[in-house]
C-alpha cells in the first residue's frame, strides 16, 4: 500500500505541475497491470522469480527479460486498457 500511495502522490504532483491528466492515466495503467498480474498467483510468482533472476545478474538476462515482457503484455491486454 505505501508504494501505491507514493506513486499516486507523485502522479498527482506531476499532473498538477504539467496541468495534464497524462501522469494520472499512467498511474492507473501501471497499477491496473500490477493488479492483473497479482490476481493470478502462479503468474505473479513466475514474474517475481524472473525479476530476481535479472537482479542477481549471474545469467544472461535476455530470455528472462523476454518472458517478463510477455507477462506484462498479457496482463496489459487483459486489463482492456
N, C-alpha and C. Protein backbone atom coordinates (compact mmCIF):
# COMPACT_ATOMS: atom_id res chain seq x y z
N UNK A 1 0.80 -1.20 0.00
CA UNK A 1 0.00 0.00 0.00
C UNK A 1 0.86 1.28 0.00
N UNK A 2 1.98 1.30 0.71
CA UNK A 2 2.80 2.51 0.66
C UNK A 2 3.29 2.85 -0.75
N UNK A 3 3.62 1.83 -1.54
CA UNK A 3 4.06 2.08 -2.92
C UNK A 3 2.94 2.72 -3.74
N UNK A 4 1.73 2.21 -3.57
CA UNK A 4 0.58 2.77 -4.28
C UNK A 4 0.38 4.22 -3.90
N UNK A 5 0.40 4.51 -2.61
CA UNK A 5 0.21 5.87 -2.14
C UNK A 5 1.29 6.81 -2.65
N UNK A 6 2.54 6.36 -2.60
CA UNK A 6 3.65 7.18 -3.08
C UNK A 6 3.53 7.45 -4.58
N UNK A 7 3.21 6.41 -5.33
CA UNK A 7 3.08 6.56 -6.78
C UNK A 7 1.92 7.51 -7.11
N UNK A 8 0.80 7.39 -6.40
CA UNK A 8 -0.34 8.28 -6.62
C UNK A 8 0.04 9.73 -6.29
N UNK A 9 0.75 9.94 -5.20
CA UNK A 9 1.19 11.28 -4.83
C UNK A 9 2.07 11.88 -5.93
N UNK A 10 3.03 11.09 -6.42
CA UNK A 10 3.92 11.57 -7.48
C UNK A 10 3.14 11.87 -8.76
N UNK A 11 2.19 11.01 -9.10
CA UNK A 11 1.39 11.23 -10.31
C UNK A 11 0.53 12.49 -10.17
N UNK A 12 -0.04 12.68 -9.00
CA UNK A 12 -0.87 13.85 -8.77
C UNK A 12 -0.04 15.13 -8.85
N UNK A 13 1.12 15.10 -8.24
CA UNK A 13 2.01 16.26 -8.27
C UNK A 13 2.43 16.57 -9.71
N UNK A 14 2.82 15.54 -10.44
CA UNK A 14 3.21 15.72 -11.84
C UNK A 14 2.06 16.27 -12.68
N UNK A 15 0.86 15.75 -12.43
CA UNK A 15 -0.31 16.21 -13.18
C UNK A 15 -0.58 17.69 -12.91
N UNK A 16 -0.43 18.09 -11.66
CA UNK A 16 -0.65 19.50 -11.31
C UNK A 16 0.41 20.38 -11.96
N UNK A 17 1.66 19.95 -11.89
CA UNK A 17 2.74 20.76 -12.45
C UNK A 17 2.63 20.88 -13.97
N UNK A 18 2.27 19.79 -14.61
CA UNK A 18 2.17 19.78 -16.07
C UNK A 18 0.81 20.25 -16.58
N UNK A 19 -0.13 20.40 -15.64
CA UNK A 19 -1.51 20.72 -16.00
C UNK A 19 -2.02 19.75 -17.06
N UNK A 20 -1.81 18.47 -16.75
CA UNK A 20 -2.17 17.40 -17.69
C UNK A 20 -2.64 16.18 -16.90
N UNK A 21 -3.55 15.44 -17.48
CA UNK A 21 -4.00 14.20 -16.85
C UNK A 21 -3.12 13.01 -17.21
N UNK A 22 -2.17 13.20 -18.09
CA UNK A 22 -1.32 12.10 -18.54
C UNK A 22 -0.64 11.35 -17.40
N UNK A 23 -0.07 12.03 -16.39
CA UNK A 23 0.55 11.29 -15.29
C UNK A 23 -0.45 10.42 -14.51
N UNK A 24 -1.68 10.90 -14.38
CA UNK A 24 -2.69 10.11 -13.68
C UNK A 24 -3.12 8.91 -14.52
N UNK A 25 -3.19 9.10 -15.83
CA UNK A 25 -3.51 7.97 -16.71
C UNK A 25 -2.41 6.91 -16.64
N UNK A 26 -1.16 7.35 -16.61
CA UNK A 26 -0.04 6.42 -16.50
C UNK A 26 -0.09 5.67 -15.17
N UNK A 27 -0.47 6.37 -14.10
CA UNK A 27 -0.61 5.74 -12.79
C UNK A 27 -1.67 4.65 -12.83
N UNK A 28 -2.83 4.97 -13.38
CA UNK A 28 -3.92 4.00 -13.46
C UNK A 28 -3.51 2.79 -14.30
N UNK A 29 -2.84 3.06 -15.40
CA UNK A 29 -2.40 1.99 -16.28
C UNK A 29 -1.43 1.05 -15.56
N UNK A 30 -0.42 1.60 -14.93
CA UNK A 30 0.59 0.75 -14.30
C UNK A 30 0.01 -0.06 -13.15
N UNK A 31 -0.89 0.54 -12.38
CA UNK A 31 -1.47 -0.21 -11.27
C UNK A 31 -2.50 -1.22 -11.75
N UNK A 32 -3.19 -0.95 -12.84
CA UNK A 32 -4.12 -1.95 -13.39
C UNK A 32 -3.36 -3.19 -13.84
N UNK A 33 -2.22 -2.98 -14.47
CA UNK A 33 -1.39 -4.11 -14.92
C UNK A 33 -0.87 -4.87 -13.70
N UNK A 34 -0.41 -4.14 -12.68
CA UNK A 34 0.07 -4.78 -11.45
C UNK A 34 -1.01 -5.66 -10.83
N UNK A 35 -2.21 -5.12 -10.69
CA UNK A 35 -3.32 -5.87 -10.09
C UNK A 35 -3.66 -7.10 -10.94
N UNK A 36 -3.66 -6.94 -12.25
CA UNK A 36 -3.98 -8.06 -13.14
C UNK A 36 -2.96 -9.19 -12.99
N UNK A 37 -1.70 -8.84 -12.82
CA UNK A 37 -0.67 -9.86 -12.61
C UNK A 37 -0.88 -10.54 -11.27
N UNK A 38 -1.09 -9.76 -10.23
CA UNK A 38 -1.20 -10.31 -8.88
C UNK A 38 -2.48 -11.12 -8.66
N UNK A 39 -3.47 -10.94 -9.53
CA UNK A 39 -4.71 -11.74 -9.43
C UNK A 39 -4.47 -13.21 -9.74
N UNK A 40 -3.38 -13.50 -10.40
CA UNK A 40 -3.05 -14.86 -10.82
C UNK A 40 -1.77 -15.28 -10.09
N UNK A 41 -1.90 -16.02 -8.99
CA UNK A 41 -0.74 -16.33 -8.15
C UNK A 41 0.43 -16.99 -8.88
N UNK A 42 0.16 -17.92 -9.78
CA UNK A 42 1.27 -18.57 -10.49
C UNK A 42 2.00 -17.61 -11.41
N UNK A 43 1.23 -16.78 -12.09
CA UNK A 43 1.84 -15.80 -12.98
C UNK A 43 2.66 -14.78 -12.17
N UNK A 44 2.11 -14.34 -11.05
CA UNK A 44 2.83 -13.38 -10.20
C UNK A 44 4.11 -14.00 -9.66
N UNK A 45 4.03 -15.26 -9.23
CA UNK A 45 5.22 -15.94 -8.71
C UNK A 45 6.28 -16.07 -9.79
N UNK A 46 5.87 -16.40 -10.99
CA UNK A 46 6.83 -16.53 -12.10
C UNK A 46 7.47 -15.18 -12.42
N UNK A 47 6.68 -14.13 -12.45
CA UNK A 47 7.22 -12.80 -12.71
C UNK A 47 8.25 -12.42 -11.64
N UNK A 48 7.92 -12.66 -10.38
CA UNK A 48 8.84 -12.30 -9.30
C UNK A 48 10.12 -13.13 -9.36
N UNK A 49 9.99 -14.39 -9.74
CA UNK A 49 11.18 -15.24 -9.88
C UNK A 49 12.07 -14.73 -11.01
N UNK A 50 11.46 -14.34 -12.12
CA UNK A 50 12.23 -13.80 -13.25
C UNK A 50 12.90 -12.48 -12.87
N UNK A 51 12.19 -11.64 -12.13
CA UNK A 51 12.77 -10.37 -11.69
C UNK A 51 13.99 -10.61 -10.79
N UNK A 52 13.88 -11.61 -9.91
CA UNK A 52 15.03 -11.94 -9.05
C UNK A 52 16.21 -12.42 -9.88
N UNK A 53 15.92 -13.25 -10.89
CA UNK A 53 16.98 -13.74 -11.79
C UNK A 53 17.72 -12.58 -12.44
N UNK A 54 16.98 -11.62 -12.94
CA UNK A 54 17.58 -10.46 -13.60
C UNK A 54 18.39 -9.65 -12.60
N UNK A 55 17.86 -9.45 -11.40
CA UNK A 55 18.55 -8.66 -10.38
C UNK A 55 19.84 -9.32 -9.92
N UNK A 56 19.85 -10.65 -9.86
CA UNK A 56 21.06 -11.36 -9.43
C UNK A 56 22.20 -11.15 -10.42
N UNK A 57 21.87 -11.07 -11.68
CA UNK A 57 22.86 -10.79 -12.71
C UNK A 57 23.87 -11.89 -12.95
N UNK A 58 23.56 -13.11 -12.54
CA UNK A 58 24.51 -14.21 -12.73
C UNK A 58 24.40 -14.87 -14.10
N UNK A 59 23.21 -14.80 -14.71
CA UNK A 59 23.00 -15.39 -16.03
C UNK A 59 22.66 -14.30 -17.04
N UNK A 60 22.72 -14.66 -18.31
CA UNK A 60 22.30 -13.74 -19.36
C UNK A 60 20.81 -13.46 -19.17
N UNK A 61 20.42 -12.20 -19.01
CA UNK A 61 19.03 -11.89 -18.70
C UNK A 61 18.09 -11.85 -19.90
N UNK A 62 18.57 -12.07 -21.09
CA UNK A 62 17.76 -11.88 -22.29
C UNK A 62 16.47 -12.70 -22.28
N UNK A 63 16.56 -13.98 -21.97
CA UNK A 63 15.35 -14.80 -22.00
C UNK A 63 14.41 -14.44 -20.86
N UNK A 64 14.97 -14.12 -19.69
CA UNK A 64 14.13 -13.70 -18.57
C UNK A 64 13.42 -12.40 -18.88
N UNK A 65 14.13 -11.46 -19.48
CA UNK A 65 13.52 -10.18 -19.84
C UNK A 65 12.43 -10.36 -20.89
N UNK A 66 12.65 -11.26 -21.82
CA UNK A 66 11.64 -11.53 -22.85
C UNK A 66 10.38 -12.12 -22.22
N UNK A 67 10.56 -13.03 -21.27
CA UNK A 67 9.39 -13.62 -20.61
C UNK A 67 8.68 -12.61 -19.73
N UNK A 68 9.43 -11.75 -19.07
CA UNK A 68 8.83 -10.67 -18.28
C UNK A 68 7.96 -9.80 -19.19
N UNK A 69 8.48 -9.45 -20.34
CA UNK A 69 7.72 -8.62 -21.28
C UNK A 69 6.45 -9.31 -21.73
N UNK A 70 6.52 -10.63 -21.96
CA UNK A 70 5.32 -11.38 -22.35
C UNK A 70 4.27 -11.34 -21.24
N UNK A 71 4.71 -11.49 -20.00
CA UNK A 71 3.78 -11.44 -18.86
C UNK A 71 3.13 -10.07 -18.79
N UNK A 72 3.93 -9.02 -18.92
CA UNK A 72 3.40 -7.66 -18.86
C UNK A 72 2.43 -7.38 -20.01
N UNK A 73 2.80 -7.83 -21.20
CA UNK A 73 1.93 -7.62 -22.37
C UNK A 73 0.58 -8.33 -22.19
N UNK A 74 0.63 -9.55 -21.68
CA UNK A 74 -0.60 -10.31 -21.48
C UNK A 74 -1.48 -9.63 -20.44
N UNK A 75 -0.88 -9.21 -19.34
CA UNK A 75 -1.64 -8.54 -18.29
C UNK A 75 -2.24 -7.24 -18.79
N UNK A 76 -1.47 -6.50 -19.58
CA UNK A 76 -1.97 -5.25 -20.14
C UNK A 76 -3.16 -5.51 -21.05
N UNK A 77 -3.07 -6.52 -21.88
CA UNK A 77 -4.19 -6.86 -22.77
C UNK A 77 -5.43 -7.26 -21.97
N UNK A 78 -5.22 -7.96 -20.87
CA UNK A 78 -6.34 -8.41 -20.05
C UNK A 78 -7.02 -7.26 -19.31
N UNK A 79 -6.31 -6.18 -19.07
CA UNK A 79 -6.92 -5.04 -18.39
C UNK A 79 -7.88 -4.29 -19.30
N UNK A 80 -7.69 -4.42 -20.60
CA UNK A 80 -8.53 -3.72 -21.54
C UNK A 80 -8.16 -2.26 -21.73
N UNK A 81 -6.98 -1.90 -21.26
CA UNK A 81 -6.55 -0.50 -21.41
C UNK A 81 -5.86 -0.29 -22.73
